[in-house]
C-alpha atoms as a PDB file:
ATOM      1  CA  MET A   1     -44.274  56.028  75.868  1.00  0.00           C
ATOM      2  CA  THR A   2     -42.243  59.820  74.899  1.00  0.00           C
ATOM      3  CA  ARG A   3     -41.804  60.131  71.249  1.00  0.00           C
ATOM      4  CA  ASP A   4     -38.635  60.295  71.353  1.00  0.00           C
ATOM      5  CA  ASP A   5     -38.522  56.102  72.360  1.00  0.00           C
ATOM      6  CA  SER A   6     -41.361  54.744  69.226  1.00  0.00           C
ATOM      7  CA  PRO A   7     -39.877  51.868  67.754  1.00  0.00           C
ATOM      8  CA  HIS A   8     -39.942  53.729  64.982  1.00  0.00           C
ATOM      9  CA  ARG A   9     -37.305  56.573  65.679  1.00  0.00           C
ATOM     10  CA  ARG A  10     -35.038  54.177  67.137  1.00  0.00           C
ATOM     11  CA  ILE A  11     -34.698  52.133  63.974  1.00  0.00           C
ATOM     12  CA  LEU A  12     -33.546  54.902  61.958  1.00  0.00           C
ATOM     13  CA  ARG A  13     -31.308  55.846  64.976  1.00  0.00           C
ATOM     14  CA  ARG A  14     -29.688  52.041  64.773  1.00  0.00           C
ATOM     15  CA  LEU A  15     -29.325  53.068  60.848  1.00  0.00           C
ATOM     16  CA  ARG A  16     -28.201  56.402  60.953  1.00  0.00           C
ATOM     17  CA  ALA A  17     -25.587  55.023  63.011  1.00  0.00           C
ATOM     18  CA  ALA A  18     -25.020  51.741  60.523  1.00  0.00           C
ATOM     19  CA  ILE A  19     -25.092  53.830  57.082  1.00  0.00           C
ATOM     20  CA  PRO A  20     -20.800  55.185  57.350  1.00  0.00           C
ATOM     21  CA  MET A  21     -20.561  51.561  58.796  1.00  0.00           C
ATOM     22  CA  CYS A  22     -21.796  50.099  55.821  1.00  0.00           C
ATOM     23  CA  ALA A  23     -20.310  52.924  53.130  1.00  0.00           C
ATOM     24  CA  ILE A  24     -16.824  51.572  54.675  1.00  0.00           C
ATOM     25  CA  ALA A  25     -17.517  47.951  54.784  1.00  0.00           C
ATOM     26  CA  LEU A  26     -19.167  48.785  50.417  1.00  0.00           C
ATOM     27  CA  ALA A  27     -15.856  51.131  49.822  1.00  0.00           C
ATOM     28  CA  ALA A  28     -12.971  47.892  50.827  1.00  0.00           C
ATOM     29  CA  MET A  29     -15.230  45.598  48.413  1.00  0.00           C
ATOM     30  CA  CYS A  30     -15.312  47.904  45.695  1.00  0.00           C
ATOM     31  CA  TRP A  31     -11.214  48.561  46.369  1.00  0.00           C
ATOM     32  CA  SER A  32      -9.964  44.763  47.067  1.00  0.00           C
ATOM     33  CA  ALA A  33     -11.538  43.827  43.740  1.00  0.00           C
ATOM     34  CA  ALA A  34      -9.529  46.399  41.789  1.00  0.00           C
ATOM     35  CA  PRO A  35      -7.261  44.888  39.825  1.00  0.00           C
ATOM     36  CA  ALA A  36      -4.078  44.146  40.376  1.00  0.00           C
ATOM     37  CA  ARG A  37      -1.678  46.154  38.673  1.00  0.00           C
ATOM     38  CA  ALA A  38       0.183  44.665  36.258  1.00  0.00           C
ATOM     39  CA  ASP A  39       3.507  46.827  35.236  1.00  0.00           C
ATOM     40  CA  PHE A  40       7.116  46.558  34.350  1.00  0.00           C
ATOM     41  CA  ARG A  41       9.320  48.017  36.979  1.00  0.00           C
ATOM     42  CA  LEU A  42      13.157  47.964  38.108  1.00  0.00           C
ATOM     43  CA  CYS A  43      14.474  47.949  40.892  1.00  0.00           C
ATOM     44  CA  ASN A  44      18.281  49.299  41.551  1.00  0.00           C
ATOM     45  CA  ASN A  45      19.712  46.594  44.447  1.00  0.00           C
ATOM     46  CA  THR A  46      23.239  48.935  44.046  1.00  0.00           C
ATOM     47  CA  SER A  47      24.826  50.926  45.732  1.00  0.00           C
ATOM     48  CA  SER A  48      25.036  53.630  42.499  1.00  0.00           C
ATOM     49  CA  ARG A  49      22.291  55.661  40.787  1.00  0.00           C
ATOM     50  CA  VAL A  50      21.741  54.197  37.522  1.00  0.00           C
ATOM     51  CA  GLY A  51      20.693  55.224  34.478  1.00  0.00           C
ATOM     52  CA  ILE A  52      18.003  53.406  32.303  1.00  0.00           C
ATOM     53  CA  ALA A  53      16.845  52.680  28.709  1.00  0.00           C
ATOM     54  CA  LEU A  54      13.832  50.292  28.200  1.00  0.00           C
ATOM     55  CA  GLY A  55      13.165  48.611  24.584  1.00  0.00           C
ATOM     56  CA  TYR A  56      10.304  46.781  23.690  1.00  0.00           C
ATOM     57  CA  LYS A  57       7.878  45.637  20.783  1.00  0.00           C
ATOM     58  CA  ASP A  58       4.327  47.808  20.290  1.00  0.00           C
ATOM     59  CA  ALA A  59       1.690  47.800  18.019  1.00  0.00           C
ATOM     60  CA  GLU A  60       3.623  50.217  16.396  1.00  0.00           C
ATOM     61  CA  GLY A  61       7.265  48.012  16.474  1.00  0.00           C
ATOM     62  CA  TRP A  62      10.132  48.791  18.337  1.00  0.00           C
ATOM     63  CA  VAL A  63      10.772  51.717  20.389  1.00  0.00           C
ATOM     64  CA  THR A  64      13.639  51.963  22.729  1.00  0.00           C
ATOM     65  CA  GLU A  65      13.233  54.943  25.298  1.00  0.00           C
ATOM     66  CA  GLY A  66      15.091  56.896  28.077  1.00  0.00           C
ATOM     67  CA  TRP A  67      16.738  57.753  30.740  1.00  0.00           C
ATOM     68  CA  TRP A  68      15.011  57.065  33.898  1.00  0.00           C
ATOM     69  CA  ASN A  69      17.734  58.014  36.881  1.00  0.00           C
ATOM     70  CA  VAL A  70      16.650  55.113  39.689  1.00  0.00           C
ATOM     71  CA  SER A  71      18.447  55.773  43.142  1.00  0.00           C
ATOM     72  CA  SER A  72      20.168  52.858  45.105  1.00  0.00           C
ATOM     73  CA  ARG A  73      18.252  50.656  46.891  1.00  0.00           C
ATOM     74  CA  SER A  74      14.879  51.729  45.304  1.00  0.00           C
ATOM     75  CA  CYS A  75      12.696  50.509  42.209  1.00  0.00           C
ATOM     76  CA  GLU A  76      10.716  52.803  38.937  1.00  0.00           C
ATOM     77  CA  THR A  77       7.779  51.285  37.672  1.00  0.00           C
ATOM     78  CA  LEU A  78       8.726  52.142  33.260  1.00  0.00           C
ATOM     79  CA  LEU A  79       5.973  51.341  31.447  1.00  0.00           C
ATOM     80  CA  ARG A  80       2.641  51.415  33.822  1.00  0.00           C
ATOM     81  CA  GLY A  81      -0.542  48.824  32.830  1.00  0.00           C
ATOM     82  CA  THR A  82      -0.425  44.714  31.341  1.00  0.00           C
ATOM     83  CA  LEU A  83       2.421  43.675  29.428  1.00  0.00           C
ATOM     84  CA  ILE A  84       2.057  43.551  26.126  1.00  0.00           C
ATOM     85  CA  ALA A  85       4.731  41.868  24.482  1.00  0.00           C
ATOM     86  CA  ARG A  86       7.559  38.580  26.210  1.00  0.00           C
ATOM     87  CA  TYR A  87      10.738  40.647  25.146  1.00  0.00           C
ATOM     88  CA  TYR A  88      12.236  43.686  27.095  1.00  0.00           C
ATOM     89  CA  TYR A  89      15.685  44.970  26.815  1.00  0.00           C
ATOM     90  CA  ILE A  90      17.488  46.445  29.485  1.00  0.00           C
ATOM     91  CA  TYR A  91      21.266  48.950  28.852  1.00  0.00           C
ATOM     92  CA  ALA A  92      21.626  50.791  31.926  1.00  0.00           C
ATOM     93  CA  LEU A  93      24.819  52.933  33.099  1.00  0.00           C
ATOM     94  CA  ASP A  94      26.239  53.310  36.713  1.00  0.00           C
ATOM     95  CA  TYR A  95      26.434  57.207  37.505  1.00  0.00           C
ATOM     96  CA  ASP A  96      28.314  56.432  40.763  1.00  0.00           C
ATOM     97  CA  ARG A  97      30.915  53.713  39.951  1.00  0.00           C
ATOM     98  CA  GLY A  98      31.364  53.538  35.771  1.00  0.00           C
ATOM     99  CA  GLY A  99      30.322  50.563  33.817  1.00  0.00           C
ATOM    100  CA  GLU A 100      27.699  49.309  32.091  1.00  0.00           C
ATOM    101  CA  TRP A 101      25.230  46.997  31.863  1.00  0.00           C
ATOM    102  CA  SER A 102      24.565  45.626  27.996  1.00  0.00           C
ATOM    103  CA  GLY A 103      24.171  42.260  26.379  1.00  0.00           C
ATOM    104  CA  GLN A 104      23.949  41.825  22.263  1.00  0.00           C
ATOM    105  CA  ALA A 105      20.266  43.040  21.427  1.00  0.00           C
ATOM    106  CA  PHE A 106      21.849  46.428  20.214  1.00  0.00           C
ATOM    107  CA  MET A 107      19.236  49.338  19.672  1.00  0.00           C
ATOM    108  CA  CYS A 108      19.128  52.788  19.253  1.00  0.00           C
ATOM    109  CA  SER A 109      19.767  55.830  21.854  1.00  0.00           C
ATOM    110  CA  ARG A 110      21.578  59.065  23.017  1.00  0.00           C
ATOM    111  CA  ASP A 111      22.942  60.757  25.671  1.00  0.00           C
ATOM    112  CA  LYS A 112      19.818  62.989  25.956  1.00  0.00           C
ATOM    113  CA  GLU A 113      16.233  62.114  26.606  1.00  0.00           C
ATOM    114  CA  PHE A 114      14.852  60.470  24.085  1.00  0.00           C
ATOM    115  CA  THR A 115      11.699  57.950  22.478  1.00  0.00           C
ATOM    116  CA  ILE A 116      12.886  56.379  19.614  1.00  0.00           C
ATOM    117  CA  ARG A 117      11.098  54.606  16.590  1.00  0.00           C
ATOM    118  CA  GLY A 118      12.532  51.552  15.478  1.00  0.00           C
ATOM    119  CA  THR A 119      16.049  49.974  15.525  1.00  0.00           C
ATOM    120  CA  GLU A 120      17.656  50.266  12.486  1.00  0.00           C
ATOM    121  CA  ASN A 121      20.127  53.014  10.576  1.00  0.00           C
ATOM    122  CA  CYS A 122      20.658  53.832  14.275  1.00  0.00           C
ATOM    123  CA  LEU A 123      24.163  56.078  13.737  1.00  0.00           C
ATOM    124  CA  ALA A 124      22.508  57.269  10.461  1.00  0.00           C
ATOM    125  CA  ARG A 125      19.676  58.727  11.599  1.00  0.00           C
ATOM    126  CA  GLY A 126      21.783  60.945  14.507  1.00  0.00           C
ATOM    127  CA  PHE A 127      21.148  58.199  17.479  1.00  0.00           C
ATOM    128  CA  ASP A 128      23.954  55.733  19.138  1.00  0.00           C
ATOM    129  CA  ARG A 129      24.116  51.824  18.270  1.00  0.00           C
ATOM    130  CA  THR A 130      23.848  50.314  22.743  1.00  0.00           C
ATOM    131  CA  GLY A 131      23.687  46.605  23.385  1.00  0.00           C
ATOM    132  CA  PHE A 132      20.646  46.336  25.487  1.00  0.00           C
ATOM    133  CA  PHE A 133      19.942  42.450  27.527  1.00  0.00           C
ATOM    134  CA  GLU A 134      17.220  40.905  26.964  1.00  0.00           C
ATOM    135  CA  VAL A 135      15.007  39.884  29.563  1.00  0.00           C
ATOM    136  CA  ASP A 136      12.264  37.196  28.797  1.00  0.00           C
ATOM    137  CA  THR A 137       8.716  38.081  30.769  1.00  0.00           C
ATOM    138  CA  GLY A 138       7.503  34.393  29.965  1.00  0.00           C
ATOM    139  CA  GLU A 139       4.337  36.382  29.104  1.00  0.00           C
ATOM    140  CA  GLN A 140       3.561  37.916  32.841  1.00  0.00           C
ATOM    141  CA  ARG A 141       1.404  40.285  33.177  1.00  0.00           C
ATOM    142  CA  SER A 142       3.939  41.875  35.498  1.00  0.00           C
ATOM    143  CA  TRP A 143       8.212  42.399  35.401  1.00  0.00           C
ATOM    144  CA  THR A 144      10.130  43.291  37.807  1.00  0.00           C
ATOM    145  CA  VAL A 145      13.812  43.399  37.049  1.00  0.00           C
ATOM    146  CA  GLN A 146      16.693  43.391  40.293  1.00  0.00           C
ATOM    147  CA  LEU A 147      19.571  45.268  38.934  1.00  0.00           C
ATOM    148  CA  THR A 148      22.369  43.334  40.921  1.00  0.00           C
ATOM    149  CA  GLU A 149      26.125  44.239  41.364  1.00  0.00           C
ATOM    150  CA  ALA A 150      28.685  41.301  40.493  1.00  0.00           C
ATOM    151  CA  GLY A 151      29.338  38.994  43.218  1.00  0.00           C
ATOM    152  CA  GLN A 152      25.335  40.849  45.435  1.00  0.00           C
ATOM    153  CA  GLN A 153      24.323  36.712  45.771  1.00  0.00           C
ATOM    154  CA  ASN A 154      21.772  36.198  43.878  1.00  0.00           C
ATOM    155  CA  PRO A 155      17.415  35.264  45.441  1.00  0.00           C
ATOM    156  CA  ASN A 156      18.111  32.038  45.416  1.00  0.00           C
ATOM    157  CA  GLY A 157      21.320  32.167  47.801  1.00  0.00           C
ATOM    158  CA  ALA A 158      23.778  31.398  44.688  1.00  0.00           C
ATOM    159  CA  PRO A 159      26.939  34.081  43.671  1.00  0.00           C
ATOM    160  CA  ALA A 160      26.092  36.229  40.963  1.00  0.00           C
ATOM    161  CA  GLY A 161      27.356  34.813  37.580  1.00  0.00           C
ATOM    162  CA  PRO A 162      27.102  35.890  33.341  1.00  0.00           C
ATOM    163  CA  LEU A 163      23.623  36.521  34.250  1.00  0.00           C
ATOM    164  CA  PRO A 164      21.141  39.757  32.615  1.00  0.00           C
ATOM    165  CA  GLY A 165      21.419  43.135  35.505  1.00  0.00           C
ATOM    166  CA  LEU A 166      25.246  42.106  36.230  1.00  0.00           C
ATOM    167  CA  PRO A 167      27.432  44.770  34.787  1.00  0.00           C
ATOM    168  CA  ASN A 168      29.510  44.041  32.031  1.00  0.00           C
ATOM    169  CA  ALA A 169      28.540  40.445  31.851  1.00  0.00           C
ATOM    170  CA  PRO A 170      28.542  38.603  28.521  1.00  0.00           C
ATOM    171  CA  HIS A 171      24.815  37.906  27.264  1.00  0.00           C
ATOM    172  CA  THR A 172      23.558  35.439  24.614  1.00  0.00           C
ATOM    173  CA  THR A 173      21.259  37.499  23.614  1.00  0.00           C
ATOM    174  CA  THR A 174      21.759  38.033  19.219  1.00  0.00           C
ATOM    175  CA  PRO A 175      20.047  39.829  16.932  1.00  0.00           C
ATOM    176  CA  GLY A 176      17.183  37.568  15.414  1.00  0.00           C
ATOM    177  CA  ALA A 177      16.372  35.934  18.441  1.00  0.00           C
ATOM    178  CA  PRO A 178      13.361  35.312  19.558  1.00  0.00           C
ATOM    179  CA  GLY A 179      11.213  39.048  19.857  1.00  0.00           C
ATOM    180  CA  LEU A 180      13.932  40.477  18.017  1.00  0.00           C
ATOM    181  CA  PRO A 181      14.314  41.967  14.370  1.00  0.00           C
ATOM    182  CA  PRO A 182      15.554  39.465  11.599  1.00  0.00           C
ATOM    183  CA  PRO A 183      19.733  40.364  12.105  1.00  0.00           C
ATOM    184  CA  ALA A 184      19.013  41.811   8.889  1.00  0.00           C
ATOM    185  CA  THR A 185      17.336  44.338   9.906  1.00  0.00           C
ATOM    186  CA  LEU A 186      20.141  45.990  12.439  1.00  0.00           C
ATOM    187  CA  PRO A 187      22.293  48.355  12.091  1.00  0.00           C
ATOM    188  CA  GLY A 188      25.945  47.692  11.925  1.00  0.00           C
ATOM    189  CA  PRO A 189      28.801  48.047  14.730  1.00  0.00           C
ATOM    190  CA  LYS A 190      28.203  50.358  16.577  1.00  0.00           C
ATOM    191  CA  GLN A 191      31.707  53.618  16.090  1.00  0.00           C
END
């Protein structure tokens, strides 16, 4: 038996060969144990580019933010992390063909990029008063809004109807509905 064939050296060679495989297996276990991403996303399933504004309530009160520019047939993460509220509010503009996705939950916005705290006195504070449609996440940890064109089929195969997420669809969200401040705290009509 030569020195290179000793049982001790053979074990060391096998261990050296096994170390990279163990490292790969350990990395795979750590990666699969990572928590799933929980975000609020919007997918633009239309043939147009759209601009998105988002309203939500955080620990400090009501916030509206905009604009996310979402290309045709693509998705964008609007908020990262686990959702902290049940209700979120969306306003969207069709940049290519005109039109909007709106509702009766009035919040503040503006034409340029913005983050606005509060939904009261929008006009007096120099902002626009804009109708957002409500998204009920059912208290899920993550949610994706599917923005569709009028006449497009819903995932369940039914024809698209007057639902949030469709351009100019009538919406039933009223001030004071769950997740919105009471009517007395909302500003007057947009001028």
